[in-house]
Amino acid sequence: MARRKVIWTKNAELLFKEILTFYFERNQNKTYSKKLLQKVKSLTNKLSRFPFLGFEIETTNYREIIFDHYSIIYSVSENEVVIKLIWDHRRNPDVLRL
């Protein structure tokens, strides 16, 4: 099975960096941030091989993988998986705008 290229939108990169920074500052060490980064890398690697792993979000062209307290929202094209958003479910949902 051919791999698809994984591409991150600027918004997804910024939100994920905010999450990593928040936990680094709160915990005063990088342990949790590194663990979260490795988990996301592992999942995006799986998505490159199995892009339809996540479930469809109704009335959109997006798919979602939920893990721990997070969601990865992404879209699939013929050659790419585009990461649209990494969302921490503990955040205020009013901030979320797709």
Protein backbone atom coordinates (compact mmCIF):
# COMPACT_ATOMS: atom_id res chain seq x y z
CA MET A 1 0.00 0.00 0.00
CA ALA A 2 1.37 3.38 -1.00
CA ARG A 3 1.98 5.97 1.64
CA ARG A 4 0.39 9.37 1.44
CA LYS A 5 2.34 12.48 2.31
CA VAL A 6 1.31 14.03 5.64
CA ILE A 7 0.99 17.82 5.52
CA TRP A 8 0.21 20.09 8.47
CA THR A 9 -1.69 23.34 8.04
CA LYS A 10 -0.19 26.39 9.72
CA ASN A 11 -3.17 26.50 12.09
CA ALA A 12 -2.63 22.86 13.13
CA GLU A 13 1.08 23.50 13.72
CA LEU A 14 0.38 26.58 15.83
CA LEU A 15 -2.29 24.90 17.95
CA PHE A 16 -0.12 21.85 18.56
CA LYS A 17 2.84 24.03 19.54
CA GLU A 18 0.55 25.88 21.96
CA ILE A 19 -0.47 22.58 23.55
CA LEU A 20 3.15 21.41 23.90
CA THR A 21 4.24 24.78 25.31
CA PHE A 22 1.36 24.85 27.79
CA TYR A 23 2.31 21.48 29.26
CA PHE A 24 6.01 22.32 29.30
CA GLU A 25 5.35 25.53 31.24
CA ARG A 26 2.80 23.96 33.55
CA ASN A 27 4.88 20.89 34.39
CA GLN A 28 8.25 22.66 34.29
CA ASN A 29 9.70 19.79 32.28
CA LYS A 30 9.44 18.30 28.81
CA THR A 31 8.39 14.77 29.77
CA TYR A 32 4.68 15.01 28.99
CA SER A 33 5.25 17.19 25.90
CA LYS A 34 7.72 14.66 24.50
CA LYS A 35 5.32 11.81 25.18
CA LEU A 36 2.49 13.66 23.43
CA LEU A 37 4.73 14.54 20.48
CA GLN A 38 5.73 10.88 20.05
CA LYS A 39 2.09 9.78 20.18
CA VAL A 40 1.09 12.31 17.51
CA LYS A 41 4.05 11.30 15.32
CA SER A 42 3.04 7.66 15.63
CA LEU A 43 -0.57 8.40 14.71
CA THR A 44 0.33 10.60 11.73
CA ASN A 45 2.68 7.87 10.52
CA LYS A 46 -0.24 5.41 10.68
CA LEU A 47 -2.43 7.90 8.81
CA SER A 48 0.10 8.05 5.99
CA ARG A 49 -0.42 4.31 5.51
CA PHE A 50 -4.07 4.00 6.56
CA PRO A 51 -5.71 7.38 5.85
CA PHE A 52 -9.26 6.17 6.51
CA LEU A 53 -8.41 5.00 10.01
CA GLY A 54 -10.33 7.87 11.63
CA PHE A 55 -14.08 8.20 11.44
CA GLU A 56 -15.89 10.67 9.20
CA ILE A 57 -17.19 13.89 10.71
CA GLU A 58 -20.77 14.28 9.52
CA THR A 59 -21.52 16.94 6.90
CA THR A 60 -17.82 17.66 6.32
CA ASN A 61 -14.94 16.24 4.29
CA TYR A 62 -12.93 15.76 7.46
CA ARG A 63 -12.02 12.70 9.48
CA GLU A 64 -11.10 12.44 13.16
CA ILE A 65 -8.93 10.26 15.34
CA ILE A 66 -9.51 10.57 19.07
CA PHE A 67 -6.80 9.60 21.57
CA ASP A 68 -6.42 10.41 25.25
CA HIS A 69 -7.86 13.95 25.57
CA TYR A 70 -7.11 14.95 21.98
CA SER A 71 -8.46 14.79 18.45
CA ILE A 72 -6.60 14.94 15.18
CA ILE A 73 -8.84 16.43 12.50
CA TYR A 74 -7.66 15.77 8.95
CA SER A 75 -8.68 15.44 5.32
CA VAL A 76 -7.61 12.88 2.75
CA SER A 77 -6.79 13.37 -0.90
CA GLU A 78 -5.37 10.97 -3.45
CA ASN A 79 -1.74 11.60 -2.42
CA GLU A 80 -1.95 13.49 0.87
CA VAL A 81 -3.29 13.51 4.39
CA VAL A 82 -3.73 17.10 5.55
CA ILE A 83 -3.72 17.66 9.31
CA LYS A 84 -6.18 20.48 9.87
CA LEU A 85 -6.25 20.60 13.65
CA ILE A 86 -5.00 19.01 16.86
CA TRP A 87 -7.56 19.71 19.55
CA ASP A 88 -7.34 19.28 23.32
CA HIS A 89 -10.85 18.34 24.49
CA ARG A 90 -10.25 20.14 27.79
CA ARG A 91 -10.13 23.53 26.06
CA ASN A 92 -13.10 25.82 25.72
CA PRO A 93 -14.95 24.62 22.59
CA ASP A 94 -15.97 28.19 21.74
CA VAL A 95 -12.36 28.71 20.65
CA LEU A 96 -12.70 25.96 18.04
CA ARG A 97 -13.52 27.15 14.54
CA LEU A 98 -13.14 24.79 11.61
